[in-house]
Amino acid sequence: MEAAPAAAPQQEAADAPKAERVRVVIRCRPLSEAEVSEGRKSVLTVNSKNASVCLQKPNGPAKHFSFDAVYDESVSQEGVYEDAAYGIVESVTEGYNGACCTQRPTEPN
């Protein structure tokens, strides 16, 4: 009995499960009404095209951070969901594994 020929590398890659790396996406929220009424200003400069954020505290050096995607305060939660999470949810409904994690900073009391 002869062994079946080995699959070509291209075919093996095509048959492999779909895999993606972890992506980090952030949305910089708008200031709350309370923050605005207190005269607070944002310390973030958001560059959505370069997927980066610059944190500039009043008395400190600027710190730059890069992500897979960055949304500024003009983008709604629904917009972030459509761009960043919808595809994951669709994949899960098709039998793939997927996870979305969200984190929100705690607000002072």
N, C-alpha and C. Protein backbone atom coordinates (compact mmCIF):
# COMPACT_ATOMS: atom_id res chain seq x y z
N MET A 1 0.84 -1.16 0.00
CA MET A 1 0.00 0.00 0.00
C MET A 1 0.89 1.24 0.00
N GLU A 2 0.65 2.16 -0.90
CA GLU A 2 1.46 3.37 -1.02
C GLU A 2 0.90 4.49 -0.16
N ALA A 3 1.81 5.27 0.40
CA ALA A 3 1.38 6.43 1.19
C ALA A 3 0.92 7.53 0.25
N ALA A 4 -0.05 8.27 0.69
CA ALA A 4 -0.52 9.41 -0.11
C ALA A 4 0.57 10.46 -0.15
N PRO A 5 0.70 11.16 -1.27
CA PRO A 5 1.73 12.20 -1.35
C PRO A 5 1.45 13.30 -0.31
N ALA A 6 2.53 13.88 0.19
CA ALA A 6 2.39 14.97 1.17
C ALA A 6 1.74 16.17 0.51
N ALA A 7 0.95 16.87 1.27
CA ALA A 7 0.30 18.07 0.75
C ALA A 7 1.35 19.15 0.48
N ALA A 8 1.11 19.93 -0.54
CA ALA A 8 2.01 21.03 -0.85
C ALA A 8 1.95 22.06 0.27
N PRO A 9 3.06 22.77 0.54
CA PRO A 9 3.06 23.76 1.62
C PRO A 9 1.94 24.80 1.48
N GLN A 10 1.64 25.21 0.24
CA GLN A 10 0.58 26.19 0.05
C GLN A 10 -0.77 25.64 0.50
N GLN A 11 -1.01 24.37 0.23
CA GLN A 11 -2.28 23.75 0.62
C GLN A 11 -2.36 23.64 2.14
N GLU A 12 -1.24 23.27 2.78
CA GLU A 12 -1.24 23.18 4.24
C GLU A 12 -1.57 24.53 4.85
N ALA A 13 -1.00 25.59 4.30
CA ALA A 13 -1.27 26.93 4.82
C ALA A 13 -2.73 27.31 4.62
N ALA A 14 -3.30 26.94 3.48
CA ALA A 14 -4.70 27.26 3.21
C ALA A 14 -5.63 26.51 4.15
N ASP A 15 -5.24 25.28 4.55
CA ASP A 15 -6.09 24.48 5.43
C ASP A 15 -5.89 24.80 6.91
N ALA A 16 -4.86 25.58 7.24
CA ALA A 16 -4.58 25.90 8.64
C ALA A 16 -5.68 26.79 9.20
N PRO A 17 -5.95 26.66 10.49
CA PRO A 17 -6.95 27.54 11.09
C PRO A 17 -6.54 29.00 10.98
N LYS A 18 -7.53 29.85 10.84
CA LYS A 18 -7.29 31.28 10.76
C LYS A 18 -6.75 31.77 12.11
N ALA A 19 -5.61 32.45 12.09
CA ALA A 19 -5.02 32.92 13.34
C ALA A 19 -4.62 34.39 13.20
N GLU A 20 -4.78 35.12 14.24
CA GLU A 20 -4.36 36.51 14.27
C GLU A 20 -3.70 36.77 15.61
N ARG A 21 -2.87 37.78 15.64
CA ARG A 21 -2.23 38.16 16.88
C ARG A 21 -3.18 39.04 17.70
N VAL A 22 -2.83 39.24 18.93
CA VAL A 22 -3.60 40.13 19.79
C VAL A 22 -3.44 41.56 19.27
N ARG A 23 -4.54 42.26 19.18
CA ARG A 23 -4.52 43.66 18.76
C ARG A 23 -4.91 44.53 19.94
N VAL A 24 -4.27 45.68 20.05
CA VAL A 24 -4.61 46.63 21.11
C VAL A 24 -5.16 47.89 20.45
N VAL A 25 -6.40 48.20 20.81
CA VAL A 25 -7.12 49.32 20.23
C VAL A 25 -7.61 50.19 21.38
N ILE A 26 -7.45 51.50 21.26
CA ILE A 26 -7.94 52.37 22.33
C ILE A 26 -8.86 53.45 21.78
N ARG A 27 -9.76 53.88 22.64
CA ARG A 27 -10.61 55.04 22.35
C ARG A 27 -10.40 56.03 23.49
N CYS A 28 -9.98 57.22 23.17
CA CYS A 28 -9.81 58.26 24.17
C CYS A 28 -11.16 58.94 24.35
N ARG A 29 -11.69 58.83 25.54
CA ARG A 29 -13.03 59.35 25.80
C ARG A 29 -13.03 60.87 25.87
N PRO A 30 -14.19 61.45 25.60
CA PRO A 30 -14.28 62.91 25.78
C PRO A 30 -14.29 63.26 27.27
N LEU A 31 -13.95 64.48 27.57
CA LEU A 31 -14.04 64.93 28.96
C LEU A 31 -15.51 64.95 29.37
N SER A 32 -15.77 64.62 30.61
CA SER A 32 -17.14 64.64 31.12
C SER A 32 -17.57 66.09 31.33
N GLU A 33 -18.87 66.29 31.49
CA GLU A 33 -19.38 67.64 31.76
C GLU A 33 -18.75 68.21 33.03
N ALA A 34 -18.60 67.36 34.05
CA ALA A 34 -17.99 67.81 35.30
C ALA A 34 -16.55 68.25 35.07
N GLU A 35 -15.80 67.49 34.28
CA GLU A 35 -14.41 67.85 34.01
C GLU A 35 -14.33 69.18 33.25
N VAL A 36 -15.22 69.36 32.29
CA VAL A 36 -15.24 70.61 31.52
C VAL A 36 -15.60 71.78 32.43
N SER A 37 -16.63 71.60 33.28
CA SER A 37 -17.06 72.69 34.17
C SER A 37 -15.98 73.05 35.19
N GLU A 38 -15.11 72.10 35.51
CA GLU A 38 -13.99 72.37 36.42
C GLU A 38 -12.80 73.01 35.70
N GLY A 39 -12.91 73.17 34.38
CA GLY A 39 -11.85 73.79 33.61
C GLY A 39 -10.71 72.86 33.26
N ARG A 40 -10.94 71.57 33.38
CA ARG A 40 -9.88 70.61 33.04
C ARG A 40 -9.65 70.58 31.53
N LYS A 41 -8.44 70.26 31.16
CA LYS A 41 -8.05 70.13 29.75
C LYS A 41 -7.47 68.74 29.53
N SER A 42 -7.63 68.23 28.33
CA SER A 42 -7.07 66.92 28.00
C SER A 42 -5.55 67.02 27.95
N VAL A 43 -4.88 65.98 28.40
CA VAL A 43 -3.42 65.92 28.34
C VAL A 43 -2.97 64.98 27.22
N LEU A 44 -3.93 64.55 26.39
CA LEU A 44 -3.63 63.62 25.30
C LEU A 44 -3.72 64.30 23.95
N THR A 45 -2.79 63.98 23.09
CA THR A 45 -2.88 64.34 21.68
C THR A 45 -3.01 63.03 20.93
N VAL A 46 -4.12 62.89 20.21
CA VAL A 46 -4.42 61.63 19.52
C VAL A 46 -4.11 61.78 18.04
N ASN A 47 -3.39 60.81 17.49
CA ASN A 47 -3.12 60.76 16.06
C ASN A 47 -3.68 59.45 15.54
N SER A 48 -4.91 59.49 15.05
CA SER A 48 -5.57 58.26 14.59
C SER A 48 -4.89 57.67 13.36
N LYS A 49 -4.37 58.52 12.48
CA LYS A 49 -3.72 58.01 11.26
C LYS A 49 -2.48 57.20 11.58
N ASN A 50 -1.71 57.64 12.57
CA ASN A 50 -0.49 56.91 12.97
C ASN A 50 -0.73 55.96 14.12
N ALA A 51 -1.98 55.87 14.58
CA ALA A 51 -2.36 55.00 15.70
C ALA A 51 -1.46 55.24 16.91
N SER A 52 -1.32 56.53 17.26
CA SER A 52 -0.47 56.86 18.40
C SER A 52 -1.13 57.92 19.27
N VAL A 53 -0.63 57.99 20.50
CA VAL A 53 -1.11 58.95 21.48
C VAL A 53 0.11 59.57 22.15
N CYS A 54 0.04 60.87 22.37
CA CYS A 54 1.09 61.56 23.12
C CYS A 54 0.46 62.06 24.42
N LEU A 55 1.04 61.67 25.53
CA LEU A 55 0.60 62.11 26.85
C LEU A 55 1.53 63.22 27.30
N GLN A 56 0.96 64.41 27.48
CA GLN A 56 1.77 65.56 27.88
C GLN A 56 1.21 66.14 29.17
N LYS A 57 1.81 65.74 30.29
CA LYS A 57 1.41 66.31 31.58
C LYS A 57 2.00 67.73 31.67
N PRO A 58 1.33 68.62 32.41
CA PRO A 58 1.79 70.01 32.46
C PRO A 58 3.25 70.18 32.89
N ASN A 59 3.71 69.40 33.83
CA ASN A 59 5.08 69.58 34.34
C ASN A 59 5.94 68.35 34.12
N GLY A 60 5.78 67.69 33.00
CA GLY A 60 6.57 66.49 32.76
C GLY A 60 6.89 66.32 31.29
N PRO A 61 7.77 65.37 31.01
CA PRO A 61 8.12 65.11 29.61
C PRO A 61 6.97 64.42 28.88
N ALA A 62 6.92 64.61 27.58
CA ALA A 62 5.91 63.94 26.76
C ALA A 62 6.23 62.46 26.66
N LYS A 63 5.19 61.65 26.67
CA LYS A 63 5.34 60.20 26.50
C LYS A 63 4.50 59.79 25.30
N HIS A 64 5.11 59.02 24.40
CA HIS A 64 4.43 58.60 23.18
C HIS A 64 4.13 57.11 23.25
N PHE A 65 2.93 56.75 22.80
CA PHE A 65 2.49 55.36 22.81
C PHE A 65 1.90 55.03 21.44
N SER A 66 2.18 53.82 20.96
CA SER A 66 1.63 53.35 19.68
C SER A 66 0.74 52.14 19.92
N PHE A 67 -0.31 52.02 19.12
CA PHE A 67 -1.27 50.94 19.24
C PHE A 67 -1.61 50.43 17.84
N ASP A 68 -2.45 49.42 17.77
CA ASP A 68 -2.90 48.93 16.47
C ASP A 68 -3.92 49.88 15.86
N ALA A 69 -4.71 50.53 16.70
CA ALA A 69 -5.66 51.54 16.24
C ALA A 69 -5.96 52.47 17.40
N VAL A 70 -6.20 53.73 17.08
CA VAL A 70 -6.53 54.73 18.09
C VAL A 70 -7.73 55.52 17.59
N TYR A 71 -8.71 55.68 18.46
CA TYR A 71 -9.90 56.46 18.14
C TYR A 71 -9.95 57.66 19.07
N ASP A 72 -10.25 58.83 18.52
CA ASP A 72 -10.34 60.01 19.37
C ASP A 72 -11.75 60.14 19.94
N GLU A 73 -11.96 61.20 20.70
CA GLU A 73 -13.23 61.36 21.40
C GLU A 73 -14.42 61.60 20.47
N SER A 74 -14.17 61.89 19.19
CA SER A 74 -15.28 62.10 18.26
C SER A 74 -15.90 60.79 17.78
N VAL A 75 -15.21 59.68 17.98
CA VAL A 75 -15.72 58.37 17.53
C VAL A 75 -16.60 57.78 18.63
N SER A 76 -17.79 57.34 18.23
CA SER A 76 -18.73 56.77 19.20
C SER A 76 -18.32 55.35 19.60
N GLN A 77 -18.90 54.88 20.68
CA GLN A 77 -18.68 53.49 21.09
C GLN A 77 -19.12 52.55 19.97
N GLU A 78 -20.23 52.90 19.31
CA GLU A 78 -20.72 52.07 18.21
C GLU A 78 -19.71 52.01 17.07
N GLY A 79 -19.07 53.14 16.79
CA GLY A 79 -18.05 53.18 15.74
C GLY A 79 -16.86 52.30 16.07
N VAL A 80 -16.43 52.33 17.32
CA VAL A 80 -15.32 51.48 17.74
C VAL A 80 -15.73 50.02 17.62
N TYR A 81 -16.95 49.69 18.05
CA TYR A 81 -17.43 48.31 17.94
C TYR A 81 -17.41 47.85 16.49
N GLU A 82 -17.96 48.66 15.59
CA GLU A 82 -18.00 48.28 14.18
C GLU A 82 -16.61 48.02 13.62
N ASP A 83 -15.66 48.89 13.95
CA ASP A 83 -14.31 48.76 13.41
C ASP A 83 -13.47 47.69 14.09
N ALA A 84 -13.59 47.58 15.41
CA ALA A 84 -12.64 46.75 16.16
C ALA A 84 -13.19 45.43 16.66
N ALA A 85 -14.49 45.34 16.91
CA ALA A 85 -15.03 44.13 17.55
C ALA A 85 -15.97 43.32 16.67
N TYR A 86 -16.63 43.96 15.76
CA TYR A 86 -17.65 43.27 14.96
C TYR A 86 -17.09 42.03 14.27
N GLY A 87 -15.91 42.14 13.66
CA GLY A 87 -15.31 41.00 12.98
C GLY A 87 -15.04 39.83 13.91
N ILE A 88 -14.65 40.13 15.14
CA ILE A 88 -14.40 39.08 16.12
C ILE A 88 -15.71 38.38 16.46
N VAL A 89 -16.74 39.16 16.70
CA VAL A 89 -18.06 38.58 17.03
C VAL A 89 -18.55 37.72 15.87
N GLU A 90 -18.41 38.18 14.66
CA GLU A 90 -18.82 37.39 13.49
C GLU A 90 -18.04 36.08 13.41
N SER A 91 -16.73 36.13 13.65
CA SER A 91 -15.92 34.91 13.61
C SER A 91 -16.36 33.91 14.67
N VAL A 92 -16.71 34.39 15.85
CA VAL A 92 -17.18 33.50 16.92
C VAL A 92 -18.47 32.81 16.49
N THR A 93 -19.36 33.54 15.82
CA THR A 93 -20.62 32.92 15.38
C THR A 93 -20.38 31.89 14.28
N GLU A 94 -19.19 31.94 13.66
CA GLU A 94 -18.84 30.96 12.63
C GLU A 94 -18.01 29.80 13.20
N GLY A 95 -17.83 29.77 14.52
CA GLY A 95 -17.14 28.66 15.15
C GLY A 95 -15.70 28.91 15.53
N TYR A 96 -15.17 30.08 15.25
CA TYR A 96 -13.80 30.40 15.63
C TYR A 96 -13.76 30.89 17.07
N ASN A 97 -12.60 30.81 17.68
CA ASN A 97 -12.41 31.39 19.01
C ASN A 97 -12.14 32.88 18.87
N GLY A 98 -12.57 33.64 19.84
CA GLY A 98 -12.32 35.07 19.81
C GLY A 98 -12.56 35.67 21.17
N ALA A 99 -11.95 36.79 21.42
CA ALA A 99 -12.14 37.48 22.69
C ALA A 99 -11.98 38.98 22.49
N CYS A 100 -12.82 39.72 23.18
CA CYS A 100 -12.71 41.18 23.25
C CYS A 100 -12.67 41.54 24.72
N CYS A 101 -11.71 42.31 25.10
CA CYS A 101 -11.61 42.77 26.48
C CYS A 101 -11.69 44.29 26.49
N THR A 102 -12.43 44.82 27.42
CA THR A 102 -12.49 46.27 27.54
C THR A 102 -12.07 46.65 28.95
N GLN A 103 -11.54 47.84 29.05
CA GLN A 103 -11.15 48.35 30.35
C GLN A 103 -11.48 49.82 30.39
N ARG A 104 -11.95 50.23 31.50
CA ARG A 104 -12.31 51.63 31.69
C ARG A 104 -11.66 52.08 33.00
N PRO A 105 -11.00 53.22 32.97
CA PRO A 105 -10.39 53.66 34.22
C PRO A 105 -11.45 53.99 35.26
N THR A 106 -11.12 53.76 36.50
CA THR A 106 -12.06 54.11 37.55
C THR A 106 -12.06 55.62 37.74
N GLU A 107 -13.21 56.14 38.07
CA GLU A 107 -13.34 57.57 38.28
C GLU A 107 -13.28 57.87 39.77
N PRO A 108 -12.66 58.97 40.13
CA PRO A 108 -12.62 59.31 41.56
C PRO A 108 -14.03 59.59 42.08
N ASN A 109 -14.26 59.27 43.34
CA ASN A 109 -15.58 59.50 43.94
C ASN A 109 -15.74 60.93 44.37
